[in-house]
Amino acid sequence: MADGGLDQLAHVSTPDGRHASLRRLVCDLIEEYGRHTGHADLLREAVDGRAGEDPPPGWRQVS
Protein backbone atom coordinates (compact mmCIF):
# COMPACT_ATOMS: atom_id res chain seq x y z
CA MET A 1 0.00 0.00 0.00
CA ALA A 2 2.90 2.35 0.67
CA ASP A 3 3.83 2.42 -3.03
CA GLY A 4 0.41 2.98 -4.59
CA GLY A 5 -2.31 3.37 -2.00
CA LEU A 6 -5.55 1.47 -1.80
CA ASP A 7 -6.49 2.04 -5.45
CA GLN A 8 -3.66 -0.06 -6.88
CA LEU A 9 -4.52 -3.49 -8.22
CA ALA A 10 -3.68 -6.63 -6.26
CA HIS A 11 -1.20 -9.12 -7.68
CA VAL A 12 -3.67 -12.01 -7.43
CA SER A 13 -6.40 -12.38 -10.02
CA THR A 14 -9.65 -14.24 -10.58
CA PRO A 15 -9.71 -17.16 -13.06
CA ASP A 16 -10.84 -14.77 -15.81
CA GLY A 17 -7.83 -12.49 -15.22
CA ARG A 18 -9.50 -9.60 -13.38
CA HIS A 19 -7.66 -7.93 -10.51
CA ALA A 20 -9.33 -6.39 -7.48
CA SER A 21 -8.06 -3.19 -5.93
CA LEU A 22 -6.39 -3.30 -2.54
CA ARG A 23 -9.28 -1.14 -1.30
CA ARG A 24 -11.72 -3.94 -2.20
CA LEU A 25 -9.57 -6.59 -0.51
CA VAL A 26 -9.18 -4.55 2.69
CA CYS A 27 -12.94 -3.88 2.84
CA ASP A 28 -13.63 -7.60 2.35
CA LEU A 29 -11.23 -8.46 5.18
CA ILE A 30 -12.89 -5.95 7.52
CA GLU A 31 -16.31 -7.39 6.68
CA GLU A 32 -15.17 -10.99 7.27
CA TYR A 33 -13.45 -10.06 10.53
CA GLY A 34 -16.62 -8.38 11.76
CA ARG A 35 -18.75 -11.37 10.78
CA HIS A 36 -16.53 -13.86 12.60
CA THR A 37 -16.23 -11.62 15.65
CA GLY A 38 -20.02 -11.66 15.83
CA HIS A 39 -20.02 -15.45 15.66
CA ALA A 40 -17.45 -15.62 18.46
CA ASP A 41 -19.70 -13.39 20.61
CA LEU A 42 -22.60 -15.79 20.10
CA LEU A 43 -20.45 -18.73 21.18
CA ARG A 44 -19.15 -16.87 24.23
CA GLU A 45 -22.67 -15.89 25.26
CA ALA A 46 -23.76 -19.52 24.96
CA VAL A 47 -20.87 -20.62 27.19
CA ASP A 48 -20.96 -18.07 30.00
CA GLY A 49 -24.46 -16.59 29.69
CA ARG A 50 -23.23 -13.00 29.43
CA ALA A 51 -24.63 -10.74 26.73
CA GLY A 52 -23.12 -7.50 25.47
CA GLU A 53 -19.74 -6.02 26.21
CA ASP A 54 -19.78 -5.53 29.98
CA PRO A 55 -21.17 -7.81 32.67
CA PRO A 56 -24.07 -6.50 34.74
CA PRO A 57 -23.29 -5.20 38.24
CA GLY A 58 -22.71 -8.07 40.65
CA TRP A 59 -22.16 -10.66 37.92
CA ARG A 60 -19.83 -13.52 38.88
CA GLN A 61 -18.44 -16.28 36.71
CA VAL A 62 -19.82 -19.75 37.45
CA SER A 63 -17.03 -22.31 37.80
PDB file of N, CA and C in Angstrom:
ATOM      1  N   MET A   1       0.821  -1.176   0.000  1.00  0.00           N
ATOM      2  CA  MET A   1       0.000   0.000   0.000  1.00  0.00           C
ATOM      3  C   MET A   1       0.876   1.254   0.000  1.00  0.00           C
ATOM      4  N   ALA A   2       2.049   1.170   0.572  1.00  0.00           N
ATOM      5  CA  ALA A   2       2.902   2.352   0.674  1.00  0.00           C
ATOM      6  C   ALA A   2       3.301   2.874  -0.705  1.00  0.00           C
ATOM      7  N   ASP A   3       3.381   1.993  -1.691  1.00  0.00           N
ATOM      8  CA  ASP A   3       3.833   2.416  -3.025  1.00  0.00           C
ATOM      9  C   ASP A   3       2.716   2.935  -3.920  1.00  0.00           C
ATOM     10  N   GLY A   4       1.458   2.553  -3.671  1.00  0.00           N
ATOM     11  CA  GLY A   4       0.414   2.976  -4.590  1.00  0.00           C
ATOM     12  C   GLY A   4      -0.936   3.238  -3.961  1.00  0.00           C
ATOM     13  N   GLY A   5      -1.042   3.118  -2.654  1.00  0.00           N
ATOM     14  CA  GLY A   5      -2.313   3.371  -1.998  1.00  0.00           C
ATOM     15  C   GLY A   5      -3.306   2.240  -2.192  1.00  0.00           C
ATOM     16  N   LEU A   6      -4.509   2.491  -1.760  1.00  0.00           N
ATOM     17  CA  LEU A   6      -5.554   1.471  -1.802  1.00  0.00           C
ATOM     18  C   LEU A   6      -6.149   1.258  -3.190  1.00  0.00           C
ATOM     19  N   ASP A   7      -5.900   2.173  -4.115  1.00  0.00           N
ATOM     20  CA  ASP A   7      -6.494   2.036  -5.449  1.00  0.00           C
ATOM     21  C   ASP A   7      -5.651   1.208  -6.416  1.00  0.00           C
ATOM     22  N   GLN A   8      -4.465   0.785  -5.996  1.00  0.00           N
ATOM     23  CA  GLN A   8      -3.661  -0.057  -6.881  1.00  0.00           C
ATOM     24  C   GLN A   8      -4.252  -1.462  -6.959  1.00  0.00           C
ATOM     25  N   LEU A   9      -3.976  -2.152  -8.020  1.00  0.00           N
ATOM     26  CA  LEU A   9      -4.517  -3.494  -8.221  1.00  0.00           C
ATOM     27  C   LEU A   9      -3.685  -4.524  -7.468  1.00  0.00           C
ATOM     28  N   ALA A  10      -4.359  -5.541  -6.953  1.00  0.00           N
ATOM     29  CA  ALA A  10      -3.677  -6.629  -6.256  1.00  0.00           C
ATOM     30  C   ALA A  10      -2.967  -7.520  -7.266  1.00  0.00           C
ATOM     31  N   HIS A  11      -1.963  -8.230  -6.790  1.00  0.00           N
ATOM     32  CA  HIS A  11      -1.202  -9.121  -7.679  1.00  0.00           C
ATOM     33  C   HIS A  11      -1.967 -10.393  -8.022  1.00  0.00           C
ATOM     34  N   VAL A  12      -2.873 -10.810  -7.160  1.00  0.00           N
ATOM     35  CA  VAL A  12      -3.666 -12.013  -7.427  1.00  0.00           C
ATOM     36  C   VAL A  12      -4.833 -11.658  -8.338  1.00  0.00           C
ATOM     37  N   SER A  13      -5.295 -12.644  -9.095  1.00  0.00           N
ATOM     38  CA  SER A  13      -6.401 -12.384 -10.017  1.00  0.00           C
ATOM     39  C   SER A  13      -7.418 -13.514  -9.956  1.00  0.00           C
ATOM     40  N   THR A  14      -8.598 -13.229 -10.468  1.00  0.00           N
ATOM     41  CA  THR A  14      -9.646 -14.236 -10.580  1.00  0.00           C
ATOM     42  C   THR A  14      -9.320 -15.126 -11.779  1.00  0.00           C
ATOM     43  N   PRO A  15      -9.996 -16.265 -11.922  1.00  0.00           N
ATOM     44  CA  PRO A  15      -9.708 -17.156 -13.063  1.00  0.00           C
ATOM     45  C   PRO A  15      -9.849 -16.472 -14.423  1.00  0.00           C
ATOM     46  N   ASP A  16     -10.691 -15.446 -14.523  1.00  0.00           N
ATOM     47  CA  ASP A  16     -10.844 -14.769 -15.814  1.00  0.00           C
ATOM     48  C   ASP A  16      -9.842 -13.621 -16.001  1.00  0.00           C
ATOM     49  N   GLY A  17      -8.894 -13.471 -15.059  1.00  0.00           N
ATOM     50  CA  GLY A  17      -7.828 -12.492 -15.218  1.00  0.00           C
ATOM     51  C   GLY A  17      -8.074 -11.118 -14.621  1.00  0.00           C
ATOM     52  N   ARG A  18      -9.223 -10.911 -13.984  1.00  0.00           N
ATOM     53  CA  ARG A  18      -9.502  -9.601 -13.382  1.00  0.00           C
ATOM     54  C   ARG A  18      -8.762  -9.453 -12.052  1.00  0.00           C
ATOM     55  N   HIS A  19      -8.361  -8.235 -11.753  1.00  0.00           N
ATOM     56  CA  HIS A  19      -7.659  -7.932 -10.514  1.00  0.00           C
ATOM     57  C   HIS A  19      -8.512  -6.986  -9.676  1.00  0.00           C
ATOM     58  N   ALA A  20      -8.616  -7.280  -8.394  1.00  0.00           N
ATOM     59  CA  ALA A  20      -9.329  -6.392  -7.481  1.00  0.00           C
ATOM     60  C   ALA A  20      -8.363  -5.337  -6.958  1.00  0.00           C
ATOM     61  N   SER A  21      -8.910  -4.213  -6.540  1.00  0.00           N
ATOM     62  CA  SER A  21      -8.055  -3.189  -5.927  1.00  0.00           C
ATOM     63  C   SER A  21      -7.769  -3.592  -4.482  1.00  0.00           C
ATOM     64  N   LEU A  22      -6.693  -3.050  -3.941  1.00  0.00           N
ATOM     65  CA  LEU A  22      -6.393  -3.305  -2.539  1.00  0.00           C
ATOM     66  C   LEU A  22      -7.508  -2.773  -1.647  1.00  0.00           C
ATOM     67  N   ARG A  23      -8.150  -1.692  -2.062  1.00  0.00           N
ATOM     68  CA  ARG A  23      -9.277  -1.144  -1.298  1.00  0.00           C
ATOM     69  C   ARG A  23     -10.370  -2.203  -1.147  1.00  0.00           C
ATOM     70  N   ARG A  24     -10.687  -2.901  -2.236  1.00  0.00           N
ATOM     71  CA  ARG A  24     -11.719  -3.941  -2.198  1.00  0.00           C
ATOM     72  C   ARG A  24     -11.304  -5.078  -1.270  1.00  0.00           C
ATOM     73  N   LEU A  25     -10.043  -5.492  -1.350  1.00  0.00           N
ATOM     74  CA  LEU A  25      -9.574  -6.587  -0.507  1.00  0.00           C
ATOM     75  C   LEU A  25      -9.592  -6.211   0.973  1.00  0.00           C
ATOM     76  N   VAL A  26      -9.172  -4.996   1.298  1.00  0.00           N
ATOM     77  CA  VAL A  26      -9.182  -4.551   2.692  1.00  0.00           C
ATOM     78  C   VAL A  26     -10.612  -4.472   3.215  1.00  0.00           C
ATOM     79  N   CYS A  27     -11.528  -3.948   2.424  1.00  0.00           N
ATOM     80  CA  CYS A  27     -12.937  -3.881   2.842  1.00  0.00           C
ATOM     81  C   CYS A  27     -13.510  -5.276   3.060  1.00  0.00           C
ATOM     82  N   ASP A  28     -13.169  -6.220   2.177  1.00  0.00           N
ATOM     83  CA  ASP A  28     -13.633  -7.601   2.348  1.00  0.00           C
ATOM     84  C   ASP A  28     -13.084  -8.208   3.635  1.00  0.00           C
ATOM     85  N   LEU A  29     -11.819  -7.936   3.946  1.00  0.00           N
ATOM     86  CA  LEU A  29     -11.228  -8.458   5.178  1.00  0.00           C
ATOM     87  C   LEU A  29     -11.903  -7.875   6.414  1.00  0.00           C
ATOM     88  N   ILE A  30     -12.209  -6.585   6.394  1.00  0.00           N
ATOM     89  CA  ILE A  30     -12.894  -5.954   7.521  1.00  0.00           C
ATOM     90  C   ILE A  30     -14.274  -6.575   7.706  1.00  0.00           C
ATOM     91  N   GLU A  31     -14.981  -6.789   6.608  1.00  0.00           N
ATOM     92  CA  GLU A  31     -16.310  -7.395   6.677  1.00  0.00           C
ATOM     93  C   GLU A  31     -16.251  -8.809   7.254  1.00  0.00           C
ATOM     94  N   GLU A  32     -15.313  -9.618   6.777  1.00  0.00           N
ATOM     95  CA  GLU A  32     -15.174 -10.990   7.268  1.00  0.00           C
ATOM     96  C   GLU A  32     -14.782 -11.011   8.741  1.00  0.00           C
ATOM     97  N   TYR A  33     -13.867 -10.142   9.130  1.00  0.00           N
ATOM     98  CA  TYR A  33     -13.451 -10.062  10.530  1.00  0.00           C
ATOM     99  C   TYR A  33     -14.653  -9.733  11.413  1.00  0.00           C
ATOM    100  N   GLY A  34     -15.435  -8.755  10.997  1.00  0.00           N
ATOM    101  CA  GLY A  34     -16.624  -8.385  11.758  1.00  0.00           C
ATOM    102  C   GLY A  34     -17.622  -9.516  11.857  1.00  0.00           C
ATOM    103  N   ARG A  35     -17.802 -10.243  10.776  1.00  0.00           N
ATOM    104  CA  ARG A  35     -18.751 -11.365  10.776  1.00  0.00           C
ATOM    105  C   ARG A  35     -18.302 -12.441  11.760  1.00  0.00           C
ATOM    106  N   HIS A  36     -17.025 -12.799  11.726  1.00  0.00           N
ATOM    107  CA  HIS A  36     -16.533 -13.857  12.601  1.00  0.00           C
ATOM    108  C   HIS A  36     -16.455 -13.406  14.054  1.00  0.00           C
ATOM    109  N   THR A  37     -16.208 -12.138  14.285  1.00  0.00           N
ATOM    110  CA  THR A  37     -16.233 -11.617  15.645  1.00  0.00           C
ATOM    111  C   THR A  37     -17.640 -11.763  16.218  1.00  0.00           C
ATOM    112  N   GLY A  38     -18.643 -11.482  15.398  1.00  0.00           N
ATOM    113  CA  GLY A  38     -20.022 -11.664  15.834  1.00  0.00           C
ATOM    114  C   GLY A  38     -20.333 -13.109  16.172  1.00  0.00           C
ATOM    115  N   HIS A  39     -19.807 -14.041  15.376  1.00  0.00           N
ATOM    116  CA  HIS A  39     -20.017 -15.455  15.658  1.00  0.00           C
ATOM    117  C   HIS A  39     -19.353 -15.838  16.971  1.00  0.00           C
ATOM    118  N   ALA A  40     -18.154 -15.315  17.215  1.00  0.00           N
ATOM    119  CA  ALA A  40     -17.453 -15.620  18.458  1.00  0.00           C
ATOM    120  C   ALA A  40     -18.238 -15.094  19.654  1.00  0.00           C
ATOM    121  N   ASP A  41     -18.868 -13.925  19.530  1.00  0.00           N
ATOM    122  CA  ASP A  41     -19.697 -13.391  20.609  1.00  0.00           C
ATOM    123  C   ASP A  41     -20.862 -14.324  20.919  1.00  0.00           C
ATOM    124  N   LEU A  42     -21.486 -14.863  19.874  1.00  0.00           N
ATOM    125  CA  LEU A  42     -22.603 -15.787  20.097  1.00  0.00           C
ATOM    126  C   LEU A  42     -22.151 -17.032  20.852  1.00  0.00           C
ATOM    127  N   LEU A  43     -20.970 -17.550  20.489  1.00  0.00           N
ATOM    128  CA  LEU A  43     -20.452 -18.730  21.178  1.00  0.00           C
ATOM    129  C   LEU A  43     -20.127 -18.407  22.635  1.00  0.00           C
ATOM    130  N   ARG A  44     -19.488 -17.251  22.868  1.00  0.00           N
ATOM    131  CA  ARG A  44     -19.152 -16.869  24.232  1.00  0.00           C
ATOM    132  C   ARG A  44     -20.405 -16.707  25.074  1.00  0.00           C
ATOM    133  N   GLU A  45     -21.426 -16.075  24.519  1.00  0.00           N
ATOM    134  CA  GLU A  45     -22.672 -15.891  25.256  1.00  0.00           C
ATOM    135  C   GLU A  45     -23.313 -17.234  25.595  1.00  0.00           C
ATOM    136  N   ALA A  46     -23.199 -18.199  24.695  1.00  0.00           N
ATOM    137  CA  ALA A  46     -23.758 -19.522  24.959  1.00  0.00           C
ATOM    138  C   ALA A  46     -22.991 -20.233  26.070  1.00  0.00           C
ATOM    139  N   VAL A  47     -21.694 -19.952  26.186  1.00  0.00           N
ATOM    140  CA  VAL A  47     -20.865 -20.620  27.194  1.00  0.00           C
ATOM    141  C   VAL A  47     -21.049 -20.009  28.577  1.00  0.00           C
ATOM    142  N   ASP A  48     -20.949 -18.670  28.662  1.00  0.00           N
ATOM    143  CA  ASP A  48     -20.961 -18.065  29.996  1.00  0.00           C
ATOM    144  C   ASP A  48     -22.246 -17.315  30.341  1.00  0.00           C
ATOM    145  N   GLY A  49     -23.174 -17.212  29.410  1.00  0.00           N
ATOM    146  CA  GLY A  49     -24.456 -16.586  29.690  1.00  0.00           C
ATOM    147  C   GLY A  49     -24.459 -15.076  29.668  1.00  0.00           C
ATOM    148  N   ARG A  50     -23.299 -14.461  29.484  1.00  0.00           N
ATOM    149  CA  ARG A  50     -23.230 -13.003  29.430  1.00  0.00           C
ATOM    150  C   ARG A  50     -23.645 -12.521  28.056  1.00  0.00           C
ATOM    151  N   ALA A  51     -24.257 -11.360  27.994  1.00  0.00           N
ATOM    152  CA  ALA A  51     -24.631 -10.741  26.725  1.00  0.00           C
ATOM    153  C   ALA A  51     -24.099  -9.321  26.720  1.00  0.00           C
ATOM    154  N   GLY A  52     -23.647  -8.861  25.572  1.00  0.00           N
ATOM    155  CA  GLY A  52     -23.119  -7.504  25.466  1.00  0.00           C
ATOM    156  C   GLY A  52     -21.649  -7.439  25.822  1.00  0.00           C
ATOM    157  N   GLU A  53     -21.165  -6.215  25.985  1.00  0.00           N
ATOM    158  CA  GLU A  53     -19.740  -6.019  26.212  1.00  0.00           C
ATOM    159  C   GLU A  53     -19.336  -6.105  27.678  1.00  0.00           C
ATOM    160  N   ASP A  54     -20.144  -5.577  28.572  1.00  0.00           N
ATOM    161  CA  ASP A  54     -19.784  -5.532  29.982  1.00  0.00           C
ATOM    162  C   ASP A  54     -20.762  -6.367  30.797  1.00  0.00           C
ATOM    163  N   PRO A  55     -20.257  -7.040  31.822  1.00  0.00           N
ATOM    164  CA  PRO A  55     -21.167  -7.805  32.675  1.00  0.00           C
ATOM    165  C   PRO A  55     -22.028  -6.868  33.510  1.00  0.00           C
ATOM    166  N   PRO A  56     -23.220  -7.327  33.883  1.00  0.00           N
ATOM    167  CA  PRO A  56     -24.072  -6.496  34.739  1.00  0.00           C
ATOM    168  C   PRO A  56     -23.438  -6.370  36.133  1.00  0.00           C
ATOM    169  N   PRO A  57     -23.825  -5.358  36.880  1.00  0.00           N
ATOM    170  CA  PRO A  57     -23.289  -5.197  38.237  1.00  0.00           C
ATOM    171  C   PRO A  57     -23.565  -6.452  39.074  1.00  0.00           C
ATOM    172  N   GLY A  58     -22.556  -6.890  39.784  1.00  0.00           N
ATOM    173  CA  GLY A  58     -22.710  -8.067  40.654  1.00  0.00           C
ATOM    174  C   GLY A  58     -22.553  -9.399  39.961  1.00  0.00           C
ATOM    175  N   TRP A  59     -22.302  -9.405  38.649  1.00  0.00           N
ATOM    176  CA  TRP A  59     -22.162 -10.660  37.919  1.00  0.00           C
ATOM    177  C   TRP A  59     -20.898 -11.393  38.347  1.00  0.00           C
ATOM    178  N   ARG A  60     -20.987 -12.711  38.533  1.00  0.00           N
ATOM    179  CA  ARG A  60     -19.826 -13.524  38.880  1.00  0.00           C
ATOM    180  C   ARG A  60     -19.796 -14.731  37.958  1.00  0.00           C
ATOM    181  N   GLN A  61     -18.605 -15.121  37.567  1.00  0.00           N
ATOM    182  CA  GLN A  61     -18.441 -16.282  36.709  1.00  0.00           C
ATOM    183  C   GLN A  61     -18.766 -17.544  37.489  1.00  0.00           C
ATOM    184  N   VAL A  62     -19.495 -18.472  36.833  1.00  0.00           N
ATOM    185  CA  VAL A  62     -19.823 -19.749  37.450  1.00  0.00           C
ATOM    186  C   VAL A  62     -18.736 -20.724  37.081  1.00  0.00           C
ATOM    187  N   SER A  63     -18.136 -21.358  38.067  1.00  0.00           N
ATOM    188  CA  SER A  63     -17.033 -22.308  37.805  1.00  0.00           C
ATOM    189  C   SER A  63     -17.541 -23.706  37.649  1.00  0.00           C
TER     190      SER A  63
END
